[in-house]
Amino acid sequence: MAKYNPIETENKWRERWKKEQYYNVDLNDESRPKFYNLVMFPYPSGDRLHVGHWYNFGPADSFGRYMRMKGYNVFEPMGFDAFGLPAEN
């Protein structure tokens, strides 16, 4: 069995996803059902990221990927701000 090479594997899949435009979203595309998945931004609290950040982000991200694999046109903004407060821009 060949030794696992994470860099090679990552590059292989990144190129495939880029070629197939896997992460491109066309909100006007009526050929596929739409799915809106708001993923909470992992706001830093304390020194660094911790398991609590994954607790919010992981399931939402996984479900969005699952829906994309089922053929949905998934719009998945991360940390979307609709208020435009000067302190947040």
PDB file of N, CA and C in Angstrom:
ATOM      1  N   MET A   1       0.841  -1.177   0.000  1.00  0.00           N
ATOM      2  CA  MET A   1       0.000   0.000   0.000  1.00  0.00           C
ATOM      3  C   MET A   1       0.889   1.244   0.000  1.00  0.00           C
ATOM      4  N   ALA A   2       0.545   2.202  -0.841  1.00  0.00           N
ATOM      5  CA  ALA A   2       1.333   3.428  -0.950  1.00  0.00           C
ATOM      6  C   ALA A   2       1.150   4.292   0.295  1.00  0.00           C
ATOM      7  N   LYS A   3       2.195   5.035   0.622  1.00  0.00           N
ATOM      8  CA  LYS A   3       2.138   5.931   1.771  1.00  0.00           C
ATOM      9  C   LYS A   3       1.215   7.113   1.449  1.00  0.00           C
ATOM     10  N   TYR A   4       0.396   7.481   2.404  1.00  0.00           N
ATOM     11  CA  TYR A   4      -0.542   8.595   2.230  1.00  0.00           C
ATOM     12  C   TYR A   4       0.221   9.912   2.156  1.00  0.00           C
ATOM     13  N   ASN A   5      -0.059  10.675   1.115  1.00  0.00           N
ATOM     14  CA  ASN A   5       0.567  11.979   0.929  1.00  0.00           C
ATOM     15  C   ASN A   5      -0.538  13.038   0.980  1.00  0.00           C
ATOM     16  N   PRO A   6      -0.707  13.727   2.118  1.00  0.00           N
ATOM     17  CA  PRO A   6      -1.820  14.669   2.248  1.00  0.00           C
ATOM     18  C   PRO A   6      -1.764  15.831   1.259  1.00  0.00           C
ATOM     19  N   ILE A   7      -0.588  16.325   0.938  1.00  0.00           N
ATOM     20  CA  ILE A   7      -0.476  17.450   0.002  1.00  0.00           C
ATOM     21  C   ILE A   7      -0.918  17.022  -1.391  1.00  0.00           C
ATOM     22  N   GLU A   8      -0.482  15.848  -1.815  1.00  0.00           N
ATOM     23  CA  GLU A   8      -0.867  15.333  -3.132  1.00  0.00           C
ATOM     24  C   GLU A   8      -2.378  15.097  -3.203  1.00  0.00           C
ATOM     25  N   THR A   9      -2.932  14.522  -2.157  1.00  0.00           N
ATOM     26  CA  THR A   9      -4.369  14.244  -2.110  1.00  0.00           C
ATOM     27  C   THR A   9      -5.172  15.542  -2.133  1.00  0.00           C
ATOM     28  N   GLU A  10      -4.747  16.515  -1.336  1.00  0.00           N
ATOM     29  CA  GLU A  10      -5.438  17.808  -1.294  1.00  0.00           C
ATOM     30  C   GLU A  10      -5.427  18.476  -2.668  1.00  0.00           C
ATOM     31  N   ASN A  11      -4.267  18.494  -3.313  1.00  0.00           N
ATOM     32  CA  ASN A  11      -4.156  19.117  -4.636  1.00  0.00           C
ATOM     33  C   ASN A  11      -5.014  18.404  -5.675  1.00  0.00           C
ATOM     34  N   LYS A  12      -5.042  17.078  -5.608  1.00  0.00           N
ATOM     35  CA  LYS A  12      -5.846  16.292  -6.552  1.00  0.00           C
ATOM     36  C   LYS A  12      -7.314  16.694  -6.474  1.00  0.00           C
ATOM     37  N   TRP A  13      -7.863  16.730  -5.266  1.00  0.00           N
ATOM     38  CA  TRP A  13      -9.281  17.036  -5.109  1.00  0.00           C
ATOM     39  C   TRP A  13      -9.583  18.504  -5.358  1.00  0.00           C
ATOM     40  N   ARG A  14      -8.667  19.380  -4.985  1.00  0.00           N
ATOM     41  CA  ARG A  14      -8.876  20.804  -5.255  1.00  0.00           C
ATOM     42  C   ARG A  14      -8.978  21.066  -6.755  1.00  0.00           C
ATOM     43  N   GLU A  15      -8.109  20.430  -7.518  1.00  0.00           N
ATOM     44  CA  GLU A  15      -8.141  20.591  -8.975  1.00  0.00           C
ATOM     45  C   GLU A  15      -9.439  20.047  -9.562  1.00  0.00           C
ATOM     46  N   ARG A  16      -9.897  18.908  -9.069  1.00  0.00           N
ATOM     47  CA  ARG A  16     -11.151  18.330  -9.572  1.00  0.00           C
ATOM     48  C   ARG A  16     -12.331  19.246  -9.266  1.00  0.00           C
ATOM     49  N   TRP A  17     -12.390  19.748  -8.035  1.00  0.00           N
ATOM     50  CA  TRP A  17     -13.489  20.637  -7.655  1.00  0.00           C
ATOM     51  C   TRP A  17     -13.452  21.919  -8.474  1.00  0.00           C
ATOM     52  N   LYS A  18     -12.239  22.423  -8.752  1.00  0.00           N
ATOM     53  CA  LYS A  18     -12.100  23.641  -9.555  1.00  0.00           C
ATOM     54  C   LYS A  18     -12.566  23.388 -10.986  1.00  0.00           C
ATOM     55  N   LYS A  19     -12.154  22.248 -11.551  1.00  0.00           N
ATOM     56  CA  LYS A  19     -12.522  21.887 -12.923  1.00  0.00           C
ATOM     57  C   LYS A  19     -14.038  21.745 -13.067  1.00  0.00           C
ATOM     58  N   GLU A  20     -14.654  21.115 -12.101  1.00  0.00           N
ATOM     59  CA  GLU A  20     -16.101  20.882 -12.144  1.00  0.00           C
ATOM     60  C   GLU A  20     -16.910  22.055 -11.580  1.00  0.00           C
ATOM     61  N   GLN A  21     -16.220  23.113 -11.169  1.00  0.00           N
ATOM     62  CA  GLN A  21     -16.858  24.300 -10.583  1.00  0.00           C
ATOM     63  C   GLN A  21     -17.798  23.905  -9.441  1.00  0.00           C
ATOM     64  N   TYR A  22     -17.310  23.034  -8.612  1.00  0.00           N
ATOM     65  CA  TYR A  22     -18.088  22.453  -7.521  1.00  0.00           C
ATOM     66  C   TYR A  22     -18.603  23.501  -6.541  1.00  0.00           C
ATOM     67  N   TYR A  23     -17.802  24.526  -6.290  1.00  0.00           N
ATOM     68  CA  TYR A  23     -18.191  25.530  -5.304  1.00  0.00           C
ATOM     69  C   TYR A  23     -18.742  26.812  -5.921  1.00  0.00           C
ATOM     70  N   ASN A  24     -18.980  26.831  -7.231  1.00  0.00           N
ATOM     71  CA  ASN A  24     -19.611  27.995  -7.853  1.00  0.00           C
ATOM     72  C   ASN A  24     -21.114  27.938  -7.615  1.00  0.00           C
ATOM     73  N   VAL A  25     -21.691  29.075  -7.307  1.00  0.00           N
ATOM     74  CA  VAL A  25     -23.124  29.147  -7.038  1.00  0.00           C
ATOM     75  C   VAL A  25     -23.748  30.170  -7.978  1.00  0.00           C
ATOM     76  N   ASP A  26     -24.779  29.752  -8.687  1.00  0.00           N
ATOM     77  CA  ASP A  26     -25.552  30.657  -9.533  1.00  0.00           C
ATOM     78  C   ASP A  26     -26.966  30.694  -8.960  1.00  0.00           C
ATOM     79  N   LEU A  27     -27.285  31.766  -8.259  1.00  0.00           N
ATOM     80  CA  LEU A  27     -28.589  31.853  -7.606  1.00  0.00           C
ATOM     81  C   LEU A  27     -29.744  31.966  -8.592  1.00  0.00           C
ATOM     82  N   ASN A  28     -29.442  32.231  -9.858  1.00  0.00           N
ATOM     83  CA  ASN A  28     -30.487  32.304 -10.888  1.00  0.00           C
ATOM     84  C   ASN A  28     -30.682  30.981 -11.617  1.00  0.00           C
ATOM     85  N   ASP A  29     -29.900  29.969 -11.279  1.00  0.00           N
ATOM     86  CA  ASP A  29     -29.994  28.655 -11.919  1.00  0.00           C
ATOM     87  C   ASP A  29     -31.260  27.948 -11.434  1.00  0.00           C
ATOM     88  N   GLU A  30     -32.191  27.728 -12.339  1.00  0.00           N
ATOM     89  CA  GLU A  30     -33.458  27.071 -11.988  1.00  0.00           C
ATOM     90  C   GLU A  30     -33.420  25.564 -12.250  1.00  0.00           C
ATOM     91  N   SER A  31     -32.298  25.052 -12.771  1.00  0.00           N
ATOM     92  CA  SER A  31     -32.226  23.631 -13.122  1.00  0.00           C
ATOM     93  C   SER A  31     -32.022  22.733 -11.902  1.00  0.00           C
ATOM     94  N   ARG A  32     -31.565  23.306 -10.803  1.00  0.00           N
ATOM     95  CA  ARG A  32     -31.352  22.527  -9.581  1.00  0.00           C
ATOM     96  C   ARG A  32     -32.084  23.198  -8.423  1.00  0.00           C
ATOM     97  N   PRO A  33     -32.543  22.415  -7.467  1.00  0.00           N
ATOM     98  CA  PRO A  33     -33.188  23.032  -6.304  1.00  0.00           C
ATOM     99  C   PRO A  33     -32.163  23.831  -5.494  1.00  0.00           C
ATOM    100  N   LYS A  34     -32.628  24.921  -4.898  1.00  0.00           N
ATOM    101  CA  LYS A  34     -31.745  25.779  -4.113  1.00  0.00           C
ATOM    102  C   LYS A  34     -31.751  25.358  -2.650  1.00  0.00           C
ATOM    103  N   PHE A  35     -30.610  25.573  -2.005  1.00  0.00           N
ATOM    104  CA  PHE A  35     -30.505  25.325  -0.568  1.00  0.00           C
ATOM    105  C   PHE A  35     -29.632  26.412   0.028  1.00  0.00           C
ATOM    106  N   TYR A  36     -30.174  27.149   0.993  1.00  0.00           N
ATOM    107  CA  TYR A  36     -29.449  28.218   1.671  1.00  0.00           C
ATOM    108  C   TYR A  36     -28.965  27.684   3.005  1.00  0.00           C
ATOM    109  N   ASN A  37     -27.668  27.743   3.231  1.00  0.00           N
ATOM    110  CA  ASN A  37     -27.078  27.199   4.448  1.00  0.00           C
ATOM    111  C   ASN A  37     -26.192  28.263   5.084  1.00  0.00           C
ATOM    112  N   LEU A  38     -26.707  28.920   6.118  1.00  0.00           N
ATOM    113  CA  LEU A  38     -25.933  29.954   6.800  1.00  0.00           C
ATOM    114  C   LEU A  38     -25.015  29.295   7.818  1.00  0.00           C
ATOM    115  N   VAL A  39     -23.729  29.427   7.597  1.00  0.00           N
ATOM    116  CA  VAL A  39     -22.733  28.838   8.496  1.00  0.00           C
ATOM    117  C   VAL A  39     -22.220  29.931   9.418  1.00  0.00           C
ATOM    118  N   MET A  40     -22.289  29.666  10.705  1.00  0.00           N
ATOM    119  CA  MET A  40     -21.850  30.657  11.676  1.00  0.00           C
ATOM    120  C   MET A  40     -20.337  30.826  11.636  1.00  0.00           C
ATOM    121  N   PHE A  41     -19.890  32.064  11.590  1.00  0.00           N
ATOM    122  CA  PHE A  41     -18.460  32.355  11.596  1.00  0.00           C
ATOM    123  C   PHE A  41     -17.891  32.008  12.968  1.00  0.00           C
ATOM    124  N   PRO A  42     -16.761  31.292  13.008  1.00  0.00           N
ATOM    125  CA  PRO A  42     -16.169  30.929  14.306  1.00  0.00           C
ATOM    126  C   PRO A  42     -15.457  32.128  14.936  1.00  0.00           C
ATOM    127  N   TYR A  43     -16.218  32.988  15.588  1.00  0.00           N
ATOM    128  CA  TYR A  43     -15.646  34.189  16.197  1.00  0.00           C
ATOM    129  C   TYR A  43     -14.593  33.814  17.230  1.00  0.00           C
ATOM    130  N   PRO A  44     -13.467  34.488  17.198  1.00  0.00           N
ATOM    131  CA  PRO A  44     -12.418  34.169  18.164  1.00  0.00           C
ATOM    132  C   PRO A  44     -12.827  34.611  19.567  1.00  0.00           C
ATOM    133  N   SER A  45     -12.726  33.709  20.487  1.00  0.00           N
ATOM    134  CA  SER A  45     -12.963  34.039  21.885  1.00  0.00           C
ATOM    135  C   SER A  45     -11.802  33.441  22.667  1.00  0.00           C
ATOM    136  N   GLY A  46     -11.073  34.277  23.315  1.00  0.00           N
ATOM    137  CA  GLY A  46      -9.883  33.790  23.995  1.00  0.00           C
ATOM    138  C   GLY A  46      -8.689  33.834  23.056  1.00  0.00           C
ATOM    139  N   ASP A  47      -7.735  32.985  23.312  1.00  0.00           N
ATOM    140  CA  ASP A  47      -6.477  32.978  22.554  1.00  0.00           C
ATOM    141  C   ASP A  47      -6.597  32.369  21.173  1.00  0.00           C
ATOM    142  N   ARG A  48      -7.389  31.302  21.060  1.00  0.00           N
ATOM    143  CA  ARG A  48      -7.356  30.503  19.830  1.00  0.00           C
ATOM    144  C   ARG A  48      -8.683  29.784  19.630  1.00  0.00           C
ATOM    145  N   LEU A  49      -8.755  29.096  18.510  1.00  0.00           N
ATOM    146  CA  LEU A  49      -9.938  28.278  18.251  1.00  0.00           C
ATOM    147  C   LEU A  49      -9.961  27.087  19.194  1.00  0.00           C
ATOM    148  N   HIS A  50     -11.141  26.626  19.529  1.00  0.00           N
ATOM    149  CA  HIS A  50     -11.277  25.458  20.393  1.00  0.00           C
ATOM    150  C   HIS A  50     -12.452  24.615  19.901  1.00  0.00           C
ATOM    151  N   VAL A  51     -12.734  23.513  20.567  1.00  0.00           N
ATOM    152  CA  VAL A  51     -13.747  22.564  20.107  1.00  0.00           C
ATOM    153  C   VAL A  51     -15.138  23.201  20.038  1.00  0.00           C
ATOM    154  N   GLY A  52     -15.403  24.212  20.828  1.00  0.00           N
ATOM    155  CA  GLY A  52     -16.693  24.894  20.772  1.00  0.00           C
ATOM    156  C   GLY A  52     -16.941  25.557  19.427  1.00  0.00           C
ATOM    157  N   HIS A  53     -15.874  26.020  18.776  1.00  0.00           N
ATOM    158  CA  HIS A  53     -16.022  26.604  17.448  1.00  0.00           C
ATOM    159  C   HIS A  53     -16.458  25.526  16.454  1.00  0.00           C
ATOM    160  N   TRP A  54     -15.850  24.363  16.538  1.00  0.00           N
ATOM    161  CA  TRP A  54     -16.232  23.266  15.649  1.00  0.00           C
ATOM    162  C   TRP A  54     -17.675  22.851  15.911  1.00  0.00           C
ATOM    163  N   TYR A  55     -18.094  22.887  17.158  1.00  0.00           N
ATOM    164  CA  TYR A  55     -19.434  22.445  17.529  1.00  0.00           C
ATOM    165  C   TYR A  55     -20.505  23.196  16.737  1.00  0.00           C
ATOM    166  N   ASN A  56     -20.267  24.473  16.450  1.00  0.00           N
ATOM    167  CA  ASN A  56     -21.209  25.263  15.649  1.00  0.00           C
ATOM    168  C   ASN A  56     -20.947  25.128  14.157  1.00  0.00           C
ATOM    169  N   PHE A  57     -19.688  25.147  13.772  1.00  0.00           N
ATOM    170  CA  PHE A  57     -19.336  25.178  12.353  1.00  0.00           C
ATOM    171  C   PHE A  57     -19.421  23.804  11.686  1.00  0.00           C
ATOM    172  N   GLY A  58     -18.919  22.778  12.327  1.00  0.00           N
ATOM    173  CA  GLY A  58     -18.799  21.442  11.728  1.00  0.00           C
ATOM    174  C   GLY A  58     -20.089  20.860  11.176  1.00  0.00           C
ATOM    175  N   PRO A  59     -21.140  20.763  11.982  1.00  0.00           N
ATOM    176  CA  PRO A  59     -22.382  20.174  11.468  1.00  0.00           C
ATOM    177  C   PRO A  59     -23.007  20.969  10.320  1.00  0.00           C
ATOM    178  N   ALA A  60     -22.997  22.303  10.406  1.00  0.00           N
ATOM    179  CA  ALA A  60     -23.585  23.122   9.335  1.00  0.00           C
ATOM    180  C   ALA A  60     -22.796  22.960   8.044  1.00  0.00           C
ATOM    181  N   ASP A  61     -21.472  22.980   8.143  1.00  0.00           N
ATOM    182  CA  ASP A  61     -20.633  22.814   6.959  1.00  0.00           C
ATOM    183  C   ASP A  61     -20.831  21.430   6.344  1.00  0.00           C
ATOM    184  N   SER A  62     -20.872  20.407   7.180  1.00  0.00           N
ATOM    185  CA  SER A  62     -21.063  19.037   6.687  1.00  0.00           C
ATOM    186  C   SER A  62     -22.407  18.880   5.988  1.00  0.00           C
ATOM    187  N   PHE A  63     -23.456  19.477   6.553  1.00  0.00           N
ATOM    188  CA  PHE A  63     -24.776  19.358   5.944  1.00  0.00           C
ATOM    189  C   PHE A  63     -24.827  20.085   4.604  1.00  0.00           C
ATOM    190  N   GLY A  64     -24.172  21.234   4.505  1.00  0.00           N
ATOM    191  CA  GLY A  64     -24.106  21.951   3.230  1.00  0.00           C
ATOM    192  C   GLY A  64     -23.404  21.127   2.164  1.00  0.00           C
ATOM    193  N   ARG A  65     -22.323  20.467   2.539  1.00  0.00           N
ATOM    194  CA  ARG A  65     -21.597  19.608   1.594  1.00  0.00           C
ATOM    195  C   ARG A  65     -22.457  18.421   1.173  1.00  0.00           C
ATOM    196  N   TYR A  66     -23.192  17.862   2.123  1.00  0.00           N
ATOM    197  CA  TYR A  66     -24.089  16.742   1.832  1.00  0.00           C
ATOM    198  C   TYR A  66     -25.158  17.157   0.816  1.00  0.00           C
ATOM    199  N   MET A  67     -25.748  18.324   1.023  1.00  0.00           N
ATOM    200  CA  MET A  67     -26.785  18.801   0.104  1.00  0.00           C
ATOM    201  C   MET A  67     -26.201  19.080  -1.280  1.00  0.00           C
ATOM    202  N   ARG A  68     -24.975  19.569  -1.325  1.00  0.00           N
ATOM    203  CA  ARG A  68     -24.312  19.815  -2.617  1.00  0.00           C
ATOM    204  C   ARG A  68     -24.107  18.488  -3.347  1.00  0.00           C
ATOM    205  N   MET A  69     -23.711  17.445  -2.613  1.00  0.00           N
ATOM    206  CA  MET A  69     -23.514  16.130  -3.237  1.00  0.00           C
ATOM    207  C   MET A  69     -24.834  15.535  -3.717  1.00  0.00           C
ATOM    208  N   LYS A  70     -25.945  15.947  -3.114  1.00  0.00           N
ATOM    209  CA  LYS A  70     -27.265  15.474  -3.546  1.00  0.00           C
ATOM    210  C   LYS A  70     -27.785  16.248  -4.748  1.00  0.00           C
ATOM    211  N   GLY A  71     -27.003  17.237  -5.224  1.00  0.00           N
ATOM    212  CA  GLY A  71     -27.381  17.960  -6.427  1.00  0.00           C
ATOM    213  C   GLY A  71     -27.999  19.326  -6.210  1.00  0.00           C
ATOM    214  N   TYR A  72     -28.070  19.772  -4.976  1.00  0.00           N
ATOM    215  CA  TYR A  72     -28.644  21.085  -4.704  1.00  0.00           C
ATOM    216  C   TYR A  72     -27.657  22.191  -5.062  1.00  0.00           C
ATOM    217  N   ASN A  73     -28.193  23.343  -5.420  1.00  0.00           N
ATOM    218  CA  ASN A  73     -27.406  24.546  -5.656  1.00  0.00           C
ATOM    219  C   ASN A  73     -27.285  25.226  -4.289  1.00  0.00           C
ATOM    220  N   VAL A  74     -26.179  24.990  -3.597  1.00  0.00           N
ATOM    221  CA  VAL A  74     -26.028  25.413  -2.205  1.00  0.00           C
ATOM    222  C   VAL A  74     -25.345  26.771  -2.107  1.00  0.00           C
ATOM    223  N   PHE A  75     -26.041  27.721  -1.503  1.00  0.00           N
ATOM    224  CA  PHE A  75     -25.465  29.024  -1.188  1.00  0.00           C
ATOM    225  C   PHE A  75     -25.104  28.983   0.285  1.00  0.00           C
ATOM    226  N   GLU A  76     -23.819  29.107   0.581  1.00  0.00           N
ATOM    227  CA  GLU A  76     -23.329  28.898   1.940  1.00  0.00           C
ATOM    228  C   GLU A  76     -22.414  30.047   2.373  1.00  0.00           C
ATOM    229  N   PRO A  77     -23.006  31.233   2.634  1.00  0.00           N
ATOM    230  CA  PRO A  77     -22.160  32.335   3.084  1.00  0.00           C
ATOM    231  C   PRO A  77     -21.683  32.084   4.506  1.00  0.00           C
ATOM    232  N   MET A  78     -20.486  32.510   4.792  1.00  0.00           N
ATOM    233  CA  MET A  78     -19.941  32.319   6.135  1.00  0.00           C
ATOM    234  C   MET A  78     -19.789  33.677   6.801  1.00  0.00           C
ATOM    235  N   GLY A  79     -20.411  33.840   7.943  1.00  0.00           N
ATOM    236  CA  GLY A  79     -20.300  35.091   8.666  1.00  0.00           C
ATOM    237  C   GLY A  79     -20.944  36.250   7.930  1.00  0.00           C
ATOM    238  N   PHE A  80     -22.081  36.026   7.322  1.00  0.00           N
ATOM    239  CA  PHE A  80     -22.778  37.040   6.532  1.00  0.00           C
ATOM    240  C   PHE A  80     -23.280  38.169   7.435  1.00  0.00           C
ATOM    241  N   ASP A  81     -23.021  39.417   7.045  1.00  0.00           N
ATOM    242  CA  ASP A  81     -23.471  40.574   7.811  1.00  0.00           C
ATOM    243  C   ASP A  81     -24.436  41.385   6.962  1.00  0.00           C
ATOM    244  N   ALA A  82     -25.681  41.455   7.367  1.00  0.00           N
ATOM    245  CA  ALA A  82     -26.686  42.178   6.601  1.00  0.00           C
ATOM    246  C   ALA A  82     -26.932  43.583   7.138  1.00  0.00           C
ATOM    247  N   PHE A  83     -26.258  43.959   8.216  1.00  0.00           N
ATOM    248  CA  PHE A  83     -26.551  45.236   8.858  1.00  0.00           C
ATOM    249  C   PHE A  83     -25.577  46.343   8.472  1.00  0.00           C
ATOM    250  N   GLY A  84     -24.341  46.001   8.120  1.00  0.00           N
ATOM    251  CA  GLY A  84     -23.370  46.983   7.664  1.00  0.00           C
ATOM    252  C   GLY A  84     -22.985  48.010   8.708  1.00  0.00           C
ATOM    253  N   LEU A  85     -22.906  47.603   9.952  1.00  0.00           N
ATOM    254  CA  LEU A  85     -22.493  48.537  10.988  1.00  0.00           C
ATOM    255  C   LEU A  85     -21.036  48.935  10.761  1.00  0.00           C
ATOM    256  N   PRO A  86     -20.707  50.226  10.917  1.00  0.00           N
ATOM    257  CA  PRO A  86     -19.337  50.671  10.650  1.00  0.00           C
ATOM    258  C   PRO A  86     -18.276  49.875  11.411  1.00  0.00           C
ATOM    259  N   ALA A  87     -18.568  49.471  12.636  1.00  0.00           N
ATOM    260  CA  ALA A  87     -17.582  48.730  13.424  1.00  0.00           C
ATOM    261  C   ALA A  87     -17.342  47.332  12.873  1.00  0.00           C
ATOM    262  N   GLU A  88     -18.279  46.821  12.070  1.00  0.00           N
ATOM    263  CA  GLU A  88     -18.152  45.463  11.542  1.00  0.00           C
ATOM    264  C   GLU A  88     -17.601  45.434  10.129  1.00  0.00           C
ATOM    265  N   ASN A  89     -17.459  46.583   9.500  1.00  0.00           N
ATOM    266  CA  ASN A  89     -16.967  46.624   8.114  1.00  0.00           C
ATOM    267  C   ASN A  89     -15.458  46.598   8.060  1.00  0.00           C
TER     268      ASN A  89
END
